[in-house]
């Protein structure tokens, strides 16, 4: 089992920055990739970004490219999501996810085995 704990959410103004952190514990050696998803009120959970745990390859949804950066610190078992130039439409609960199966589908929520509890990000205009 793997446990994920997110932190770093909050209330900011449009144009501000936030950095989310996700600390993994447990059987982290088995992880293949970690990702961030978000869910706005009344909407489905959507892919934001993902990173391959060993090689570091990164993937982003189009709406955050150039503004968000996902990174990892393997020694700390932590994944970060640096969010710059935040917009009101980025408002959502952000979830950290981790997966360990082969045939990785970085953008698909169903591929991920473990989820954090979520952290609220609110961007005011």
N, C-alpha and C. Protein backbone atom coordinates (compact mmCIF):
# COMPACT_ATOMS: atom_id res chain seq x y z
N UNK A 1 0.84 -1.20 0.00
CA UNK A 1 0.00 0.00 0.00
C UNK A 1 0.87 1.24 0.00
N UNK A 2 0.31 2.31 -0.56
CA UNK A 2 0.97 3.60 -0.60
C UNK A 2 0.00 4.64 -0.08
N UNK A 3 0.47 5.51 0.78
CA UNK A 3 -0.33 6.60 1.30
C UNK A 3 0.18 7.92 0.72
N UNK A 4 -0.76 8.80 0.36
CA UNK A 4 -0.43 10.08 -0.24
C UNK A 4 -1.05 11.20 0.59
N UNK A 5 -0.26 12.22 0.88
CA UNK A 5 -0.75 13.37 1.64
C UNK A 5 -0.37 14.64 0.90
N UNK A 6 -1.40 15.40 0.50
CA UNK A 6 -1.17 16.66 -0.21
C UNK A 6 -1.16 17.83 0.77
N UNK A 7 -0.52 18.90 0.34
CA UNK A 7 -0.54 20.15 1.08
C UNK A 7 -0.24 21.29 0.12
N UNK A 8 -0.49 22.51 0.57
CA UNK A 8 -0.11 23.68 -0.21
C UNK A 8 -1.24 24.44 -0.86
N UNK A 9 -2.46 23.94 -0.75
CA UNK A 9 -3.58 24.68 -1.34
C UNK A 9 -3.88 25.95 -0.59
N UNK A 10 -4.77 26.75 -1.15
CA UNK A 10 -5.14 27.98 -0.49
C UNK A 10 -5.94 28.90 -1.37
N UNK A 11 -6.17 30.11 -0.89
CA UNK A 11 -6.91 31.14 -1.61
C UNK A 11 -5.92 32.19 -2.11
N UNK A 12 -5.89 32.39 -3.42
CA UNK A 12 -4.99 33.36 -4.01
C UNK A 12 -5.75 34.20 -5.03
N UNK A 13 -5.10 35.24 -5.50
CA UNK A 13 -5.69 36.08 -6.55
C UNK A 13 -5.16 35.64 -7.92
N UNK A 14 -5.91 36.00 -8.93
CA UNK A 14 -5.49 35.69 -10.28
C UNK A 14 -4.10 36.26 -10.55
N UNK A 15 -3.24 35.46 -11.17
CA UNK A 15 -1.88 35.87 -11.44
C UNK A 15 -0.87 35.42 -10.40
N UNK A 16 -1.36 34.99 -9.24
CA UNK A 16 -0.48 34.53 -8.17
C UNK A 16 0.02 33.12 -8.45
N UNK A 17 0.87 32.65 -7.55
CA UNK A 17 1.44 31.30 -7.65
C UNK A 17 1.18 30.51 -6.38
N UNK A 18 1.15 29.20 -6.54
CA UNK A 18 1.06 28.27 -5.42
C UNK A 18 1.91 27.06 -5.75
N UNK A 19 2.42 26.39 -4.73
CA UNK A 19 3.10 25.12 -4.94
C UNK A 19 2.44 24.05 -4.08
N UNK A 20 1.94 23.04 -4.75
CA UNK A 20 1.36 21.90 -4.06
C UNK A 20 2.43 20.83 -3.86
N UNK A 21 2.34 20.14 -2.72
CA UNK A 21 3.26 19.04 -2.43
C UNK A 21 2.45 17.78 -2.16
N UNK A 22 3.03 16.65 -2.50
CA UNK A 22 2.40 15.35 -2.24
C UNK A 22 3.49 14.41 -1.74
N UNK A 23 3.36 14.00 -0.50
CA UNK A 23 4.34 13.09 0.10
C UNK A 23 3.79 11.67 0.08
N UNK A 24 4.57 10.76 -0.48
CA UNK A 24 4.18 9.36 -0.55
C UNK A 24 4.90 8.56 0.53
N UNK A 25 4.19 7.62 1.13
CA UNK A 25 4.80 6.74 2.13
C UNK A 25 4.29 5.32 1.90
N UNK A 26 5.00 4.37 2.48
CA UNK A 26 4.64 2.97 2.28
C UNK A 26 5.51 2.33 1.21
N UNK A 27 4.91 1.53 0.33
CA UNK A 27 5.66 0.78 -0.68
C UNK A 27 5.94 1.65 -1.90
N UNK A 28 6.66 2.74 -1.67
CA UNK A 28 6.92 3.69 -2.76
C UNK A 28 7.86 3.15 -3.82
N UNK A 29 8.63 2.11 -3.50
CA UNK A 29 9.56 1.56 -4.47
C UNK A 29 8.83 0.94 -5.66
N UNK A 30 7.56 0.65 -5.48
CA UNK A 30 6.79 0.01 -6.54
C UNK A 30 6.15 1.00 -7.51
N UNK A 31 6.26 2.28 -7.24
CA UNK A 31 5.57 3.28 -8.05
C UNK A 31 6.20 3.45 -9.43
N UNK A 32 5.35 3.63 -10.43
CA UNK A 32 5.78 3.89 -11.80
C UNK A 32 5.62 5.36 -12.14
N UNK A 33 4.52 5.96 -11.71
CA UNK A 33 4.24 7.35 -12.03
C UNK A 33 3.37 7.98 -10.97
N UNK A 34 3.42 9.32 -10.91
CA UNK A 34 2.54 10.07 -10.03
C UNK A 34 1.93 11.21 -10.82
N UNK A 35 0.74 11.60 -10.43
CA UNK A 35 0.07 12.64 -11.17
C UNK A 35 -0.76 13.55 -10.28
N UNK A 36 -1.23 14.63 -10.89
CA UNK A 36 -2.16 15.55 -10.25
C UNK A 36 -3.43 15.63 -11.10
N UNK A 37 -4.54 15.54 -10.43
CA UNK A 37 -5.84 15.71 -11.05
C UNK A 37 -6.57 16.82 -10.29
N UNK A 38 -7.61 17.37 -10.89
CA UNK A 38 -8.40 18.36 -10.19
C UNK A 38 -9.88 18.17 -10.51
N UNK A 39 -10.69 18.60 -9.55
CA UNK A 39 -12.13 18.48 -9.72
C UNK A 39 -12.79 19.76 -9.26
N UNK A 40 -13.43 20.44 -10.20
CA UNK A 40 -14.18 21.66 -9.91
C UNK A 40 -15.62 21.27 -9.57
N UNK A 41 -16.32 22.15 -8.86
CA UNK A 41 -17.71 21.84 -8.50
C UNK A 41 -18.57 21.53 -9.73
N UNK A 42 -19.27 20.42 -9.67
CA UNK A 42 -20.15 20.04 -10.76
C UNK A 42 -19.47 19.45 -11.97
N UNK A 43 -18.16 19.23 -11.87
CA UNK A 43 -17.42 18.68 -13.00
C UNK A 43 -16.73 17.38 -12.61
N UNK A 44 -16.33 16.63 -13.62
CA UNK A 44 -15.62 15.39 -13.37
C UNK A 44 -14.15 15.68 -13.03
N UNK A 45 -13.54 14.70 -12.38
CA UNK A 45 -12.12 14.82 -12.09
C UNK A 45 -11.34 14.80 -13.39
N UNK A 46 -10.38 15.74 -13.52
CA UNK A 46 -9.65 15.91 -14.77
C UNK A 46 -8.15 15.87 -14.55
N UNK A 47 -7.46 15.32 -15.54
CA UNK A 47 -6.01 15.24 -15.51
C UNK A 47 -5.38 16.62 -15.58
N UNK A 48 -4.33 16.84 -14.79
CA UNK A 48 -3.58 18.09 -14.83
C UNK A 48 -2.15 17.85 -15.30
N UNK A 49 -1.43 16.97 -14.59
CA UNK A 49 -0.03 16.73 -14.92
C UNK A 49 0.40 15.39 -14.33
N UNK A 50 1.46 14.82 -14.91
CA UNK A 50 1.98 13.56 -14.40
C UNK A 50 3.48 13.50 -14.64
N UNK A 51 4.15 12.64 -13.87
CA UNK A 51 5.59 12.48 -14.00
C UNK A 51 5.95 11.03 -13.80
N UNK A 52 6.84 10.55 -14.65
CA UNK A 52 7.37 9.20 -14.50
C UNK A 52 8.32 9.19 -13.31
N UNK A 53 8.14 8.23 -12.41
CA UNK A 53 8.87 8.27 -11.15
C UNK A 53 10.37 8.04 -11.33
N UNK A 54 10.77 7.23 -12.28
CA UNK A 54 12.19 6.95 -12.44
C UNK A 54 12.86 7.87 -13.45
N UNK A 55 12.29 7.99 -14.65
CA UNK A 55 12.93 8.77 -15.70
C UNK A 55 12.63 10.25 -15.66
N UNK A 56 11.53 10.62 -15.00
CA UNK A 56 11.23 12.03 -14.89
C UNK A 56 10.50 12.64 -16.07
N UNK A 57 10.05 11.85 -17.03
CA UNK A 57 9.26 12.41 -18.13
C UNK A 57 7.98 13.03 -17.58
N UNK A 58 7.59 14.16 -18.17
CA UNK A 58 6.42 14.88 -17.68
C UNK A 58 5.35 15.03 -18.74
N UNK A 59 4.11 15.18 -18.28
CA UNK A 59 2.95 15.28 -19.16
C UNK A 59 2.00 16.31 -18.56
N UNK A 60 1.37 17.11 -19.45
CA UNK A 60 0.47 18.16 -18.98
C UNK A 60 -0.78 18.22 -19.84
N UNK A 61 -1.86 18.64 -19.23
CA UNK A 61 -3.02 18.98 -20.02
C UNK A 61 -2.77 20.33 -20.67
N UNK A 62 -3.36 20.56 -21.82
CA UNK A 62 -3.05 21.76 -22.61
C UNK A 62 -3.28 23.06 -21.84
N UNK A 63 -4.30 23.11 -21.02
CA UNK A 63 -4.67 24.36 -20.37
C UNK A 63 -3.65 24.83 -19.32
N UNK A 64 -2.74 23.96 -18.92
CA UNK A 64 -1.76 24.38 -17.90
C UNK A 64 -0.34 24.42 -18.44
N UNK A 65 -0.14 24.02 -19.68
CA UNK A 65 1.20 24.04 -20.25
C UNK A 65 1.76 25.45 -20.24
N UNK A 66 3.00 25.58 -19.79
CA UNK A 66 3.64 26.88 -19.70
C UNK A 66 3.36 27.61 -18.41
N UNK A 67 2.39 27.14 -17.62
CA UNK A 67 2.07 27.78 -16.34
C UNK A 67 2.37 26.86 -15.16
N UNK A 68 2.13 25.57 -15.31
CA UNK A 68 2.34 24.61 -14.22
C UNK A 68 3.56 23.76 -14.52
N UNK A 69 4.26 23.37 -13.46
CA UNK A 69 5.41 22.48 -13.59
C UNK A 69 5.33 21.39 -12.54
N UNK A 70 5.41 20.14 -12.99
CA UNK A 70 5.43 19.02 -12.05
C UNK A 70 6.87 18.56 -11.90
N UNK A 71 7.25 18.23 -10.69
CA UNK A 71 8.61 17.77 -10.43
C UNK A 71 8.57 16.76 -9.28
N UNK A 72 9.68 16.09 -9.09
CA UNK A 72 9.73 15.08 -8.03
C UNK A 72 11.06 15.15 -7.29
N UNK A 73 11.03 14.71 -6.05
CA UNK A 73 12.24 14.55 -5.26
C UNK A 73 12.19 13.12 -4.74
N UNK A 74 12.90 12.24 -5.44
CA UNK A 74 12.83 10.82 -5.09
C UNK A 74 13.31 10.56 -3.66
N UNK A 75 14.32 11.31 -3.22
CA UNK A 75 14.86 11.10 -1.88
C UNK A 75 13.82 11.40 -0.81
N UNK A 76 12.92 12.32 -1.12
CA UNK A 76 11.88 12.71 -0.15
C UNK A 76 10.54 12.07 -0.47
N UNK A 77 10.50 11.24 -1.52
CA UNK A 77 9.23 10.62 -1.95
C UNK A 77 8.14 11.68 -2.11
N UNK A 78 8.50 12.77 -2.72
CA UNK A 78 7.58 13.91 -2.84
C UNK A 78 7.46 14.36 -4.29
N UNK A 79 6.25 14.68 -4.67
CA UNK A 79 5.97 15.28 -5.97
C UNK A 79 5.40 16.67 -5.74
N UNK A 80 5.82 17.60 -6.58
CA UNK A 80 5.39 18.99 -6.46
C UNK A 80 4.61 19.40 -7.71
N UNK A 81 3.73 20.36 -7.52
CA UNK A 81 3.08 21.00 -8.65
C UNK A 81 3.20 22.50 -8.44
N UNK A 82 4.11 23.11 -9.18
CA UNK A 82 4.29 24.56 -9.13
C UNK A 82 3.28 25.19 -10.08
N UNK A 83 2.43 26.02 -9.56
CA UNK A 83 1.37 26.63 -10.36
C UNK A 83 1.59 28.14 -10.41
N UNK A 84 1.88 28.65 -11.58
CA UNK A 84 2.10 30.09 -11.79
C UNK A 84 0.98 30.67 -12.63
N UNK A 85 0.87 31.98 -12.60
CA UNK A 85 -0.14 32.68 -13.40
C UNK A 85 -1.51 32.05 -13.25
N UNK A 86 -1.91 31.84 -12.02
CA UNK A 86 -3.17 31.16 -11.76
C UNK A 86 -4.36 31.96 -12.26
N UNK A 87 -5.36 31.24 -12.72
CA UNK A 87 -6.58 31.82 -13.25
C UNK A 87 -7.78 31.34 -12.44
N UNK A 88 -8.87 32.09 -12.44
CA UNK A 88 -10.06 31.63 -11.71
C UNK A 88 -10.53 30.24 -12.14
N UNK A 89 -10.32 29.89 -13.41
CA UNK A 89 -10.74 28.58 -13.88
C UNK A 89 -9.85 27.45 -13.37
N UNK A 90 -8.78 27.78 -12.66
CA UNK A 90 -7.95 26.75 -12.02
C UNK A 90 -8.52 26.35 -10.66
N UNK A 91 -9.55 27.05 -10.22
CA UNK A 91 -10.17 26.74 -8.93
C UNK A 91 -10.73 25.32 -8.93
N UNK A 92 -10.30 24.53 -7.95
CA UNK A 92 -10.73 23.13 -7.88
C UNK A 92 -10.10 22.49 -6.64
N UNK A 93 -10.55 21.30 -6.35
CA UNK A 93 -9.84 20.45 -5.40
C UNK A 93 -8.80 19.67 -6.19
N UNK A 94 -7.57 19.75 -5.76
CA UNK A 94 -6.47 19.09 -6.45
C UNK A 94 -6.10 17.80 -5.70
N UNK A 95 -6.01 16.72 -6.47
CA UNK A 95 -5.71 15.41 -5.91
C UNK A 95 -4.39 14.89 -6.46
N UNK A 96 -3.60 14.34 -5.58
CA UNK A 96 -2.38 13.63 -5.96
C UNK A 96 -2.73 12.15 -6.17
N UNK A 97 -2.10 11.54 -7.16
CA UNK A 97 -2.37 10.13 -7.44
C UNK A 97 -1.07 9.42 -7.77
N UNK A 98 -1.05 8.12 -7.53
CA UNK A 98 0.13 7.32 -7.82
C UNK A 98 -0.29 5.96 -8.37
N UNK A 99 0.52 5.43 -9.27
CA UNK A 99 0.20 4.14 -9.86
C UNK A 99 1.44 3.28 -9.98
N UNK A 100 1.22 1.96 -10.04
CA UNK A 100 2.33 1.01 -10.07
C UNK A 100 2.19 -0.05 -11.15
N UNK A 101 1.14 0.03 -11.95
CA UNK A 101 0.95 -1.00 -12.97
C UNK A 101 1.69 -0.66 -14.25
N UNK A 102 1.98 -1.68 -15.06
CA UNK A 102 2.62 -1.46 -16.35
C UNK A 102 1.59 -0.88 -17.31
N UNK A 103 2.03 -0.64 -18.56
CA UNK A 103 1.17 -0.03 -19.59
C UNK A 103 0.56 1.26 -19.07
N UNK A 104 1.43 2.17 -18.72
CA UNK A 104 1.02 3.42 -18.06
C UNK A 104 0.12 4.26 -18.96
N UNK A 105 -0.94 4.75 -18.36
CA UNK A 105 -1.81 5.73 -19.02
C UNK A 105 -1.80 6.96 -18.13
N UNK A 106 -0.86 7.84 -18.39
CA UNK A 106 -0.62 8.95 -17.48
C UNK A 106 -1.84 9.83 -17.29
N UNK A 107 -2.65 10.01 -18.31
CA UNK A 107 -3.76 10.94 -18.25
C UNK A 107 -5.06 10.32 -17.75
N UNK A 108 -5.07 9.03 -17.54
CA UNK A 108 -6.30 8.34 -17.17
C UNK A 108 -6.40 8.09 -15.67
N UNK A 109 -7.43 8.63 -15.06
CA UNK A 109 -7.60 8.47 -13.61
C UNK A 109 -7.72 6.99 -13.22
N UNK A 110 -8.29 6.18 -14.08
CA UNK A 110 -8.50 4.78 -13.74
C UNK A 110 -7.21 3.98 -13.64
N UNK A 111 -6.12 4.50 -14.23
CA UNK A 111 -4.85 3.77 -14.14
C UNK A 111 -4.23 3.88 -12.76
N UNK A 112 -4.50 4.96 -12.07
CA UNK A 112 -3.86 5.23 -10.78
C UNK A 112 -4.48 4.39 -9.66
N UNK A 113 -3.62 3.87 -8.81
CA UNK A 113 -4.06 2.96 -7.74
C UNK A 113 -4.31 3.68 -6.42
N UNK A 114 -3.61 4.77 -6.19
CA UNK A 114 -3.67 5.43 -4.88
C UNK A 114 -3.97 6.91 -5.06
N UNK A 115 -4.73 7.44 -4.12
CA UNK A 115 -5.16 8.84 -4.18
C UNK A 115 -5.01 9.51 -2.83
N UNK A 116 -4.66 10.81 -2.86
CA UNK A 116 -4.65 11.59 -1.65
C UNK A 116 -6.04 12.11 -1.33
N UNK A 117 -6.13 12.87 -0.26
CA UNK A 117 -7.43 13.36 0.21
C UNK A 117 -7.86 14.63 -0.50
N UNK A 118 -6.95 15.27 -1.20
CA UNK A 118 -7.27 16.48 -1.93
C UNK A 118 -6.95 17.74 -1.15
N UNK A 119 -6.63 18.79 -1.89
CA UNK A 119 -6.37 20.10 -1.30
C UNK A 119 -7.04 21.16 -2.15
N UNK A 120 -7.71 22.08 -1.50
CA UNK A 120 -8.51 23.10 -2.21
C UNK A 120 -7.62 24.23 -2.72
N UNK A 121 -7.80 24.57 -3.98
CA UNK A 121 -7.16 25.75 -4.57
C UNK A 121 -8.28 26.65 -5.06
N UNK A 122 -8.29 27.88 -4.57
CA UNK A 122 -9.30 28.86 -4.97
C UNK A 122 -8.59 30.09 -5.50
N UNK A 123 -8.92 30.47 -6.73
CA UNK A 123 -8.31 31.63 -7.37
C UNK A 123 -9.39 32.68 -7.59
N UNK A 124 -9.24 33.81 -6.97
CA UNK A 124 -10.22 34.88 -7.12
C UNK A 124 -9.81 35.83 -8.24
N UNK A 125 -10.81 36.42 -8.86
CA UNK A 125 -10.53 37.31 -10.00
C UNK A 125 -10.33 38.75 -9.53
